[in-house]
Amino acid sequence: MTITVAITAPGNMGAAVGARLVQHGAIVLTSLQGRSADSAKRAEAAGMVAVEDEKLIEADFLLSILPPKDALPIALRLAPALRASSSKPIYIDCNAVSPDTVTAIMQVVQDTGTSFLDGSIIGPPPRGDGRHTKFYLSGPLADTARKLESVGLHVKPLDAPVGAASALKMSYGGITKGLTALGSVMILAAERYGVGSELSSELATSQPQLFAWLNHMVPDMLPKAYRWVAEMDEISAYLGERPESGIYNSIARVYEDLAADWAAERSDAAVLTKVFGGKGTA
């Protein structure tokens, strides 16, 4: 039996997931509502079929893969179609949002009579054998993991309620993207004081693993910094009233500044790509 999967939008991750699903025999639907010409090209290249919302929710599974700020709005947008349909998908929110946000999304979805699972994606857009892109799922899984595995996804089921997969993503992203921000701001600070090259040389000599990791992460981050702002705000909310929440609120503002720089003069980006290999300027 052919499995049909809807993906809310063909962004970089959504289109790559869609392509993998298509390669493994799934029919993949997506929406181009409000999307750019580049999105349409990605969808076509991935073998995804663009449809209206009413058709989107006729899939077996609906994967919400969007920037965090759009996760709740897409659930609200799809709610009328979900409520009206007699055939409903299993709705899986795969976005980098806090447990509180995913609970709010779940309430919107379940109010339509639609089943809901909490998901998180850890890893790059899938390529090769897809094993480096992991889909963690929590909630009432039934045979969902097996079915999604059958169409090429590397699913990691958690024996835990809704909120657990999102908590895992928040903590993981807090470490990886938090360290990326720290490395960036310290290189920029050293450069302002004229010791940027000395700092990078010292890191390469005394912290070679950390330096190699930053050399990969920082250039890759620069064109995506705008997408990481909301994720850092979600991590801040995830931490609640604890003092460390403020760390991620500040990191969100760091990514706002880096995104603004990338969209304009790219002076900070030039410094960072000079130190970390220059991959992010392409």
C-alpha atoms as a PDB file:
ATOM      1  CA  MET A   1       0.000   0.000   0.000  1.00  0.00           C
ATOM      2  CA  THR A   2       1.394   3.392  -1.014  1.00  0.00           C
ATOM      3  CA  ILE A   3       1.868   5.851   1.842  1.00  0.00           C
ATOM      4  CA  THR A   4       1.001   9.500   1.232  1.00  0.00           C
ATOM      5  CA  VAL A   5       2.872  12.109   3.274  1.00  0.00           C
ATOM      6  CA  ALA A   6       2.100  15.823   3.315  1.00  0.00           C
ATOM      7  CA  ILE A   7       4.875  18.289   4.175  1.00  0.00           C
ATOM      8  CA  THR A   8       3.703  21.772   5.066  1.00  0.00           C
ATOM      9  CA  ALA A   9       6.296  23.616   2.980  1.00  0.00           C
ATOM     10  CA  PRO A  10       9.235  22.813   0.660  1.00  0.00           C
ATOM     11  CA  GLY A  11      11.950  24.702   2.510  1.00  0.00           C
ATOM     12  CA  ASN A  12      15.488  23.314   2.507  1.00  0.00           C
ATOM     13  CA  MET A  13      14.683  20.652   5.112  1.00  0.00           C
ATOM     14  CA  GLY A  14      11.124  19.995   3.935  1.00  0.00           C
ATOM     15  CA  ALA A  15      12.159  19.517   0.315  1.00  0.00           C
ATOM     16  CA  ALA A  16      15.047  17.218   1.249  1.00  0.00           C
ATOM     17  CA  VAL A  17      12.751  15.109   3.431  1.00  0.00           C
ATOM     18  CA  GLY A  18      10.216  15.074   0.609  1.00  0.00           C
ATOM     19  CA  ALA A  19      12.821  13.897  -1.894  1.00  0.00           C
ATOM     20  CA  ARG A  20      13.853  11.041   0.377  1.00  0.00           C
ATOM     21  CA  LEU A  21      10.248   9.961   0.853  1.00  0.00           C
ATOM     22  CA  VAL A  22       9.621  10.049  -2.900  1.00  0.00           C
ATOM     23  CA  GLN A  23      12.766   7.989  -3.506  1.00  0.00           C
ATOM     24  CA  HIS A  24      11.362   5.350  -1.164  1.00  0.00           C
ATOM     25  CA  GLY A  25       7.985   5.094  -2.847  1.00  0.00           C
ATOM     26  CA  ALA A  26       5.817   7.610  -0.971  1.00  0.00           C
ATOM     27  CA  ILE A  27       3.524  10.138  -2.599  1.00  0.00           C
ATOM     28  CA  VAL A  28       4.508  13.511  -1.146  1.00  0.00           C
ATOM     29  CA  LEU A  29       2.188  16.518  -1.121  1.00  0.00           C
ATOM     30  CA  THR A  30       3.107  20.070  -0.172  1.00  0.00           C
ATOM     31  CA  SER A  31       1.741  23.603  -0.126  1.00  0.00           C
ATOM     32  CA  LEU A  32       3.097  26.540  -2.094  1.00  0.00           C
ATOM     33  CA  GLN A  33       0.744  29.070  -0.475  1.00  0.00           C
ATOM     34  CA  GLY A  34       2.788  32.182   0.238  1.00  0.00           C
ATOM     35  CA  ARG A  35       5.978  30.491  -0.926  1.00  0.00           C
ATOM     36  CA  SER A  36       8.643  31.804  -3.294  1.00  0.00           C
ATOM     37  CA  ALA A  37       9.589  30.690  -6.780  1.00  0.00           C
ATOM     38  CA  ASP A  38      12.621  28.970  -5.235  1.00  0.00           C
ATOM     39  CA  SER A  39      10.266  26.909  -3.063  1.00  0.00           C
ATOM     40  CA  ALA A  40       8.330  25.845  -6.138  1.00  0.00           C
ATOM     41  CA  LYS A  41      11.566  24.786  -7.837  1.00  0.00           C
ATOM     42  CA  ARG A  42      12.645  22.795  -4.769  1.00  0.00           C
ATOM     43  CA  ALA A  43       9.267  21.049  -4.624  1.00  0.00           C
ATOM     44  CA  GLU A  44       9.405  20.125  -8.304  1.00  0.00           C
ATOM     45  CA  ALA A  45      12.997  18.874  -8.051  1.00  0.00           C
ATOM     46  CA  ALA A  46      12.060  16.730  -5.043  1.00  0.00           C
ATOM     47  CA  GLY A  47       9.101  15.149  -6.832  1.00  0.00           C
ATOM     48  CA  MET A  48       6.583  16.725  -4.456  1.00  0.00           C
ATOM     49  CA  VAL A  49       3.044  17.526  -5.620  1.00  0.00           C
ATOM     50  CA  ALA A  50       1.724  21.012  -4.792  1.00  0.00           C
ATOM     51  CA  VAL A  51      -1.900  20.984  -3.621  1.00  0.00           C
ATOM     52  CA  GLU A  52      -4.427  23.121  -1.769  1.00  0.00           C
ATOM     53  CA  ASP A  53      -4.939  22.746   1.987  1.00  0.00           C
ATOM     54  CA  GLU A  54      -8.010  20.560   1.523  1.00  0.00           C
ATOM     55  CA  LYS A  55      -5.936  17.991  -0.369  1.00  0.00           C
ATOM     56  CA  LEU A  56      -2.940  18.359   1.930  1.00  0.00           C
ATOM     57  CA  ILE A  57      -4.856  16.974   4.869  1.00  0.00           C
ATOM     58  CA  GLU A  58      -5.963  13.864   2.944  1.00  0.00           C
ATOM     59  CA  ALA A  59      -2.498  12.335   3.419  1.00  0.00           C
ATOM     60  CA  ASP A  60      -1.740   9.479   5.802  1.00  0.00           C
ATOM     61  CA  PHE A  61       0.786  11.656   7.640  1.00  0.00           C
ATOM     62  CA  LEU A  62       1.221  15.419   7.774  1.00  0.00           C
ATOM     63  CA  LEU A  63       4.707  16.587   8.729  1.00  0.00           C
ATOM     64  CA  SER A  64       4.923  20.205   9.835  1.00  0.00           C
ATOM     65  CA  ILE A  65       8.439  21.321   8.873  1.00  0.00           C
ATOM     66  CA  LEU A  66       8.792  25.095   9.070  1.00  0.00           C
ATOM     67  CA  PRO A  67      10.697  27.844  10.869  1.00  0.00           C
ATOM     68  CA  PRO A  68       9.623  27.774  14.557  1.00  0.00           C
ATOM     69  CA  LYS A  69       7.659  31.024  14.351  1.00  0.00           C
ATOM     70  CA  ASP A  70       5.361  29.440  11.742  1.00  0.00           C
ATOM     71  CA  ALA A  71       4.613  26.200  13.607  1.00  0.00           C
ATOM     72  CA  LEU A  72       1.497  27.368  15.459  1.00  0.00           C
ATOM     73  CA  PRO A  73       0.185  29.556  12.592  1.00  0.00           C
ATOM     74  CA  ILE A  74       0.230  26.625  10.144  1.00  0.00           C
ATOM     75  CA  ALA A  75      -1.757  24.488  12.596  1.00  0.00           C
ATOM     76  CA  LEU A  76      -4.313  27.284  12.925  1.00  0.00           C
ATOM     77  CA  ARG A  77      -4.459  27.671   9.142  1.00  0.00           C
ATOM     78  CA  LEU A  78      -5.038  23.968   8.567  1.00  0.00           C
ATOM     79  CA  ALA A  79      -7.495  23.525  11.451  1.00  0.00           C
ATOM     80  CA  PRO A  80     -10.670  24.324   9.432  1.00  0.00           C
ATOM     81  CA  ALA A  81      -9.730  21.831   6.710  1.00  0.00           C
ATOM     82  CA  LEU A  82      -8.817  19.205   9.304  1.00  0.00           C
ATOM     83  CA  ARG A  83     -12.099  19.727  11.134  1.00  0.00           C
ATOM     84  CA  ALA A  84     -14.143  19.433   7.947  1.00  0.00           C
ATOM     85  CA  SER A  85     -12.454  16.304   6.650  1.00  0.00           C
ATOM     86  CA  SER A  86     -13.696  12.815   7.473  1.00  0.00           C
ATOM     87  CA  SER A  87     -10.293  11.387   6.533  1.00  0.00           C
ATOM     88  CA  LYS A  88      -7.580  12.876   8.717  1.00  0.00           C
ATOM     89  CA  PRO A  89      -3.793  12.460   8.709  1.00  0.00           C
ATOM     90  CA  ILE A  90      -1.599  11.841  11.713  1.00  0.00           C
ATOM     91  CA  TYR A  91      -0.253  15.342  12.331  1.00  0.00           C
ATOM     92  CA  ILE A  92       3.422  15.385  13.392  1.00  0.00           C
ATOM     93  CA  ASP A  93       4.938  18.688  14.431  1.00  0.00           C
ATOM     94  CA  CYS A  94       8.654  18.434  13.565  1.00  0.00           C
ATOM     95  CA  ASN A  95       9.634  22.009  14.403  1.00  0.00           C
ATOM     96  CA  ALA A  96      12.181  23.433  16.840  1.00  0.00           C
ATOM     97  CA  VAL A  97       9.667  24.638  19.417  1.00  0.00           C
ATOM     98  CA  SER A  98       9.385  24.382  23.184  1.00  0.00           C
ATOM     99  CA  PRO A  99       7.222  21.787  24.934  1.00  0.00           C
ATOM    100  CA  ASP A 100       4.755  24.566  25.825  1.00  0.00           C
ATOM    101  CA  THR A 101       4.464  25.607  22.182  1.00  0.00           C
ATOM    102  CA  VAL A 102       4.045  22.038  20.967  1.00  0.00           C
ATOM    103  CA  THR A 103       1.322  21.538  23.585  1.00  0.00           C
ATOM    104  CA  ALA A 104      -0.507  24.589  22.213  1.00  0.00           C
ATOM    105  CA  ILE A 105      -0.179  23.179  18.689  1.00  0.00           C
ATOM    106  CA  MET A 106      -1.445  19.803  19.880  1.00  0.00           C
ATOM    107  CA  GLN A 107      -4.542  21.427  21.369  1.00  0.00           C
ATOM    108  CA  VAL A 108      -5.353  23.142  18.074  1.00  0.00           C
ATOM    109  CA  VAL A 109      -4.893  19.906  16.122  1.00  0.00           C
ATOM    110  CA  GLN A 110      -6.687  17.592  18.534  1.00  0.00           C
ATOM    111  CA  ASP A 111      -9.652  19.971  18.714  1.00  0.00           C
ATOM    112  CA  THR A 112     -10.265  19.048  15.067  1.00  0.00           C
ATOM    113  CA  GLY A 113     -10.383  15.335  15.900  1.00  0.00           C
ATOM    114  CA  THR A 114      -6.924  14.744  14.386  1.00  0.00           C
ATOM    115  CA  SER A 115      -4.258  12.529  15.965  1.00  0.00           C
ATOM    116  CA  PHE A 116      -1.073  14.345  17.000  1.00  0.00           C
ATOM    117  CA  LEU A 117       2.555  13.399  17.616  1.00  0.00           C
ATOM    118  CA  ASP A 118       5.493  15.462  18.803  1.00  0.00           C
ATOM    119  CA  GLY A 119       8.530  15.237  16.549  1.00  0.00           C
ATOM    120  CA  SER A 120      11.982  16.733  16.306  1.00  0.00           C
ATOM    121  CA  ILE A 121      14.566  16.547  13.551  1.00  0.00           C
ATOM    122  CA  ILE A 122      18.202  16.348  14.587  1.00  0.00           C
ATOM    123  CA  GLY A 123      20.768  16.438  11.821  1.00  0.00           C
ATOM    124  CA  PRO A 124      21.151  17.996   8.365  1.00  0.00           C
ATOM    125  CA  PRO A 125      18.673  17.671   5.487  1.00  0.00           C
ATOM    126  CA  PRO A 126      18.765  13.961   4.587  1.00  0.00           C
ATOM    127  CA  ARG A 127      21.248  12.766   2.015  1.00  0.00           C
ATOM    128  CA  GLY A 128      22.942   9.479   1.218  1.00  0.00           C
ATOM    129  CA  ASP A 129      21.515   6.732   3.413  1.00  0.00           C
ATOM    130  CA  GLY A 130      19.641   9.303   5.526  1.00  0.00           C
ATOM    131  CA  ARG A 131      20.929   7.890   8.813  1.00  0.00           C
ATOM    132  CA  HIS A 132      22.408  11.226   9.906  1.00  0.00           C
ATOM    133  CA  THR A 133      18.944  12.820   9.926  1.00  0.00           C
ATOM    134  CA  LYS A 134      17.007  11.500  12.896  1.00  0.00           C
ATOM    135  CA  PHE A 135      13.295  11.934  13.482  1.00  0.00           C
ATOM    136  CA  TYR A 136      12.556  11.633  17.196  1.00  0.00           C
ATOM    137  CA  LEU A 137       8.877  11.035  17.961  1.00  0.00           C
ATOM    138  CA  SER A 138       6.957  11.093  21.241  1.00  0.00           C
ATOM    139  CA  GLY A 139       3.304  10.592  22.076  1.00  0.00           C
ATOM    140  CA  PRO A 140       0.907   7.734  21.216  1.00  0.00           C
ATOM    141  CA  LEU A 141       3.011   6.247  18.416  1.00  0.00           C
ATOM    142  CA  ALA A 142       1.154   3.008  17.540  1.00  0.00           C
ATOM    143  CA  ASP A 143       2.764   1.803  14.267  1.00  0.00           C
ATOM    144  CA  THR A 144       3.696   5.277  13.007  1.00  0.00           C
ATOM    145  CA  ALA A 145       7.449   4.761  13.415  1.00  0.00           C
ATOM    146  CA  ARG A 146       7.382   1.520  11.403  1.00  0.00           C
ATOM    147  CA  LYS A 147       5.385   3.100   8.562  1.00  0.00           C
ATOM    148  CA  LEU A 148       7.662   6.133   8.296  1.00  0.00           C
ATOM    149  CA  GLU A 149      10.732   3.901   8.437  1.00  0.00           C
ATOM    150  CA  SER A 150       9.287   1.989   5.486  1.00  0.00           C
ATOM    151  CA  VAL A 151       9.500   5.129   3.341  1.00  0.00           C
ATOM    152  CA  GLY A 152      13.078   6.000   4.205  1.00  0.00           C
ATOM    153  CA  LEU A 153      13.029   8.083   7.394  1.00  0.00           C
ATOM    154  CA  HIS A 154      15.350   7.284  10.287  1.00  0.00           C
ATOM    155  CA  VAL A 155      12.816   7.316  13.123  1.00  0.00           C
ATOM    156  CA  LYS A 156      13.802   7.229  16.800  1.00  0.00           C
ATOM    157  CA  PRO A 157      10.658   6.565  18.871  1.00  0.00           C
ATOM    158  CA  LEU A 158      10.661   7.821  22.448  1.00  0.00           C
ATOM    159  CA  ASP A 159       8.650   6.030  25.119  1.00  0.00           C
ATOM    160  CA  ALA A 160       7.428   9.386  26.402  1.00  0.00           C
ATOM    161  CA  PRO A 161       4.491  11.774  26.057  1.00  0.00           C
ATOM    162  CA  VAL A 162       4.078  14.750  23.739  1.00  0.00           C
ATOM    163  CA  GLY A 163       6.677  17.358  24.702  1.00  0.00           C
ATOM    164  CA  ALA A 164       9.589  14.948  25.103  1.00  0.00           C
ATOM    165  CA  ALA A 165      10.769  15.083  21.474  1.00  0.00           C
ATOM    166  CA  SER A 166      10.606  18.877  21.560  1.00  0.00           C
ATOM    167  CA  ALA A 167      12.523  18.986  24.854  1.00  0.00           C
ATOM    168  CA  LEU A 168      15.261  16.861  23.294  1.00  0.00           C
ATOM    169  CA  LYS A 169      15.504  19.218  20.324  1.00  0.00           C
ATOM    170  CA  MET A 170      15.579  22.281  22.582  1.00  0.00           C
ATOM    171  CA  SER A 171      18.439  20.906  24.665  1.00  0.00           C
ATOM    172  CA  TYR A 172      20.401  19.672  21.651  1.00  0.00           C
ATOM    173  CA  GLY A 173      19.950  22.923  19.721  1.00  0.00           C
ATOM    174  CA  GLY A 174      20.746  24.913  22.863  1.00  0.00           C
ATOM    175  CA  ILE A 175      24.158  23.234  22.993  1.00  0.00           C
ATOM    176  CA  THR A 176      25.078  23.221  19.302  1.00  0.00           C
ATOM    177  CA  LYS A 177      23.647  26.583  18.283  1.00  0.00           C
ATOM    178  CA  GLY A 178      24.569  28.141  21.612  1.00  0.00           C
ATOM    179  CA  LEU A 179      28.221  27.165  21.123  1.00  0.00           C
ATOM    180  CA  THR A 180      28.115  28.433  17.532  1.00  0.00           C
ATOM    181  CA  ALA A 181      26.967  31.828  18.801  1.00  0.00           C
ATOM    182  CA  LEU A 182      29.622  31.913  21.534  1.00  0.00           C
ATOM    183  CA  GLY A 183      32.392  31.087  19.077  1.00  0.00           C
ATOM    184  CA  SER A 184      31.159  33.767  16.689  1.00  0.00           C
ATOM    185  CA  VAL A 185      30.878  36.581  19.213  1.00  0.00           C
ATOM    186  CA  MET A 186      34.283  35.845  20.761  1.00  0.00           C
ATOM    187  CA  ILE A 187      36.021  35.830  17.382  1.00  0.00           C
ATOM    188  CA  LEU A 188      34.331  39.144  16.536  1.00  0.00           C
ATOM    189  CA  ALA A 189      35.310  40.627  19.908  1.00  0.00           C
ATOM    190  CA  ALA A 190      38.935  39.531  19.451  1.00  0.00           C
ATOM    191  CA  GLU A 191      38.949  41.040  15.968  1.00  0.00           C
ATOM    192  CA  ARG A 192      37.752  44.382  17.350  1.00  0.00           C
ATOM    193  CA  TYR A 193      40.782  44.390  19.636  1.00  0.00           C
ATOM    194  CA  GLY A 194      43.161  43.354  16.873  1.00  0.00           C
ATOM    195  CA  VAL A 195      43.846  39.831  18.144  1.00  0.00           C
ATOM    196  CA  GLY A 196      41.468  37.815  15.959  1.00  0.00           C
ATOM    197  CA  SER A 197      44.205  35.941  14.087  1.00  0.00           C
ATOM    198  CA  GLU A 198      45.992  35.170  17.352  1.00  0.00           C
ATOM    199  CA  LEU A 199      42.796  33.755  18.859  1.00  0.00           C
ATOM    200  CA  SER A 200      42.073  31.578  15.841  1.00  0.00           C
ATOM    201  CA  SER A 201      45.673  30.308  15.806  1.00  0.00           C
ATOM    202  CA  GLU A 202      45.484  29.481  19.501  1.00  0.00           C
ATOM    203  CA  LEU A 203      42.181  27.657  19.070  1.00  0.00           C
ATOM    204  CA  ALA A 204      43.575  25.670  16.134  1.00  0.00           C
ATOM    205  CA  THR A 205      46.621  24.678  18.205  1.00  0.00           C
ATOM    206  CA  SER A 206      45.225  24.073  21.694  1.00  0.00           C
ATOM    207  CA  GLN A 207      41.562  23.247  20.867  1.00  0.00           C
ATOM    208  CA  PRO A 208      41.772  21.567  17.454  1.00  0.00           C
ATOM    209  CA  GLN A 209      38.511  19.617  17.770  1.00  0.00           C
ATOM    210  CA  LEU A 210      36.559  22.690  18.859  1.00  0.00           C
ATOM    211  CA  PHE A 211      38.165  24.775  16.119  1.00  0.00           C
ATOM    212  CA  ALA A 212      37.329  22.168  13.462  1.00  0.00           C
ATOM    213  CA  TRP A 213      33.727  22.008  14.712  1.00  0.00           C
ATOM    214  CA  LEU A 214      33.351  25.808  14.585  1.00  0.00           C
ATOM    215  CA  ASN A 215      34.972  25.815  11.157  1.00  0.00           C
ATOM    216  CA  HIS A 216      32.055  23.683   9.978  1.00  0.00           C
ATOM    217  CA  MET A 217      29.249  25.264  11.998  1.00  0.00           C
ATOM    218  CA  VAL A 218      29.865  29.015  11.721  1.00  0.00           C
ATOM    219  CA  PRO A 219      29.952  29.464   7.916  1.00  0.00           C
ATOM    220  CA  ASP A 220      26.934  27.159   7.587  1.00  0.00           C
ATOM    221  CA  MET A 221      25.066  29.248  10.173  1.00  0.00           C
ATOM    222  CA  LEU A 222      25.455  32.662   8.550  1.00  0.00           C
ATOM    223  CA  PRO A 223      22.801  32.406   5.791  1.00  0.00           C
ATOM    224  CA  LYS A 224      20.467  30.644   8.246  1.00  0.00           C
ATOM    225  CA  ALA A 225      20.908  32.938  11.268  1.00  0.00           C
ATOM    226  CA  TYR A 226      17.498  34.538  10.702  1.00  0.00           C
ATOM    227  CA  ARG A 227      15.856  31.132  11.186  1.00  0.00           C
ATOM    228  CA  TRP A 228      17.676  30.542  14.468  1.00  0.00           C
ATOM    229  CA  VAL A 229      16.316  33.646  16.201  1.00  0.00           C
ATOM    230  CA  ALA A 230      12.910  32.145  16.963  1.00  0.00           C
ATOM    231  CA  GLU A 231      14.495  28.832  17.960  1.00  0.00           C
ATOM    232  CA  MET A 232      16.636  30.575  20.587  1.00  0.00           C
ATOM    233  CA  ASP A 233      13.543  32.375  21.878  1.00  0.00           C
ATOM    234  CA  GLU A 234      11.804  28.985  22.105  1.00  0.00           C
ATOM    235  CA  ILE A 235      14.755  27.608  24.080  1.00  0.00           C
ATOM    236  CA  SER A 236      14.529  30.606  26.401  1.00  0.00           C
ATOM    237  CA  ALA A 237      10.852  29.801  26.966  1.00  0.00           C
ATOM    238  CA  TYR A 238      11.733  26.116  27.449  1.00  0.00           C
ATOM    239  CA  LEU A 239      13.999  27.086  30.349  1.00  0.00           C
ATOM    240  CA  GLY A 240      11.202  29.069  31.970  1.00  0.00           C
ATOM    241  CA  GLU A 241      11.946  31.385  34.874  1.00  0.00           C
ATOM    242  CA  ARG A 242      15.408  29.978  35.535  1.00  0.00           C
ATOM    243  CA  PRO A 243      18.351  32.434  35.258  1.00  0.00           C
ATOM    244  CA  GLU A 244      19.826  30.588  32.273  1.00  0.00           C
ATOM    245  CA  SER A 245      16.764  31.491  30.231  1.00  0.00           C
ATOM    246  CA  GLY A 246      18.315  34.925  29.758  1.00  0.00           C
ATOM    247  CA  ILE A 247      21.352  33.389  28.074  1.00  0.00           C
ATOM    248  CA  TYR A 248      19.220  32.182  25.174  1.00  0.00           C
ATOM    249  CA  ASN A 249      17.240  35.375  24.967  1.00  0.00           C
ATOM    250  CA  SER A 250      20.583  37.126  24.460  1.00  0.00           C
ATOM    251  CA  ILE A 251      21.738  34.525  21.928  1.00  0.00           C
ATOM    252  CA  ALA A 252      18.550  35.159  19.976  1.00  0.00           C
ATOM    253  CA  ARG A 253      19.551  38.808  19.754  1.00  0.00           C
ATOM    254  CA  VAL A 254      23.047  37.753  18.600  1.00  0.00           C
ATOM    255  CA  TYR A 255      21.484  35.821  15.742  1.00  0.00           C
ATOM    256  CA  GLU A 256      19.265  38.804  14.928  1.00  0.00           C
ATOM    257  CA  ASP A 257      22.399  40.929  14.554  1.00  0.00           C
ATOM    258  CA  LEU A 258      24.192  38.304  12.472  1.00  0.00           C
ATOM    259  CA  ALA A 259      21.131  37.928  10.239  1.00  0.00           C
ATOM    260  CA  ALA A 260      20.923  41.699   9.749  1.00  0.00           C
ATOM    261  CA  ASP A 261      24.617  41.805   8.895  1.00  0.00           C
ATOM    262  CA  TRP A 262      24.208  38.946   6.396  1.00  0.00           C
ATOM    263  CA  ALA A 263      21.314  40.774   4.729  1.00  0.00           C
ATOM    264  CA  ALA A 264      23.308  44.019   4.422  1.00  0.00           C
ATOM    265  CA  GLU A 265      27.038  44.776   4.462  1.00  0.00           C
ATOM    266  CA  ARG A 266      28.256  41.361   5.703  1.00  0.00           C
ATOM    267  CA  SER A 267      31.141  42.924   7.624  1.00  0.00           C
ATOM    268  CA  ASP A 268      30.841  40.493  10.543  1.00  0.00           C
ATOM    269  CA  ALA A 269      30.296  37.635   8.091  1.00  0.00           C
ATOM    270  CA  ALA A 270      33.542  38.565   6.314  1.00  0.00           C
ATOM    271  CA  VAL A 271      35.470  38.297   9.573  1.00  0.00           C
ATOM    272  CA  LEU A 272      33.893  34.993  10.524  1.00  0.00           C
ATOM    273  CA  THR A 273      34.339  33.397   7.107  1.00  0.00           C
ATOM    274  CA  LYS A 274      37.964  34.546   7.001  1.00  0.00           C
ATOM    275  CA  VAL A 275      38.595  32.735  10.277  1.00  0.00           C
ATOM    276  CA  PHE A 276      36.375  29.704   9.640  1.00  0.00           C
ATOM    277  CA  GLY A 277      37.036  28.784   6.038  1.00  0.00           C
ATOM    278  CA  GLY A 278      34.741  31.035   4.031  1.00  0.00           C
ATOM    279  CA  LYS A 279      32.021  28.461   3.246  1.00  0.00           C
ATOM    280  CA  GLY A 280      29.175  30.733   4.310  1.00  0.00           C
ATOM    281  CA  THR A 281      29.776  33.431   1.679  1.00  0.00           C
ATOM    282  CA  ALA A 282      28.660  31.323  -1.288  1.00  0.00           C
END
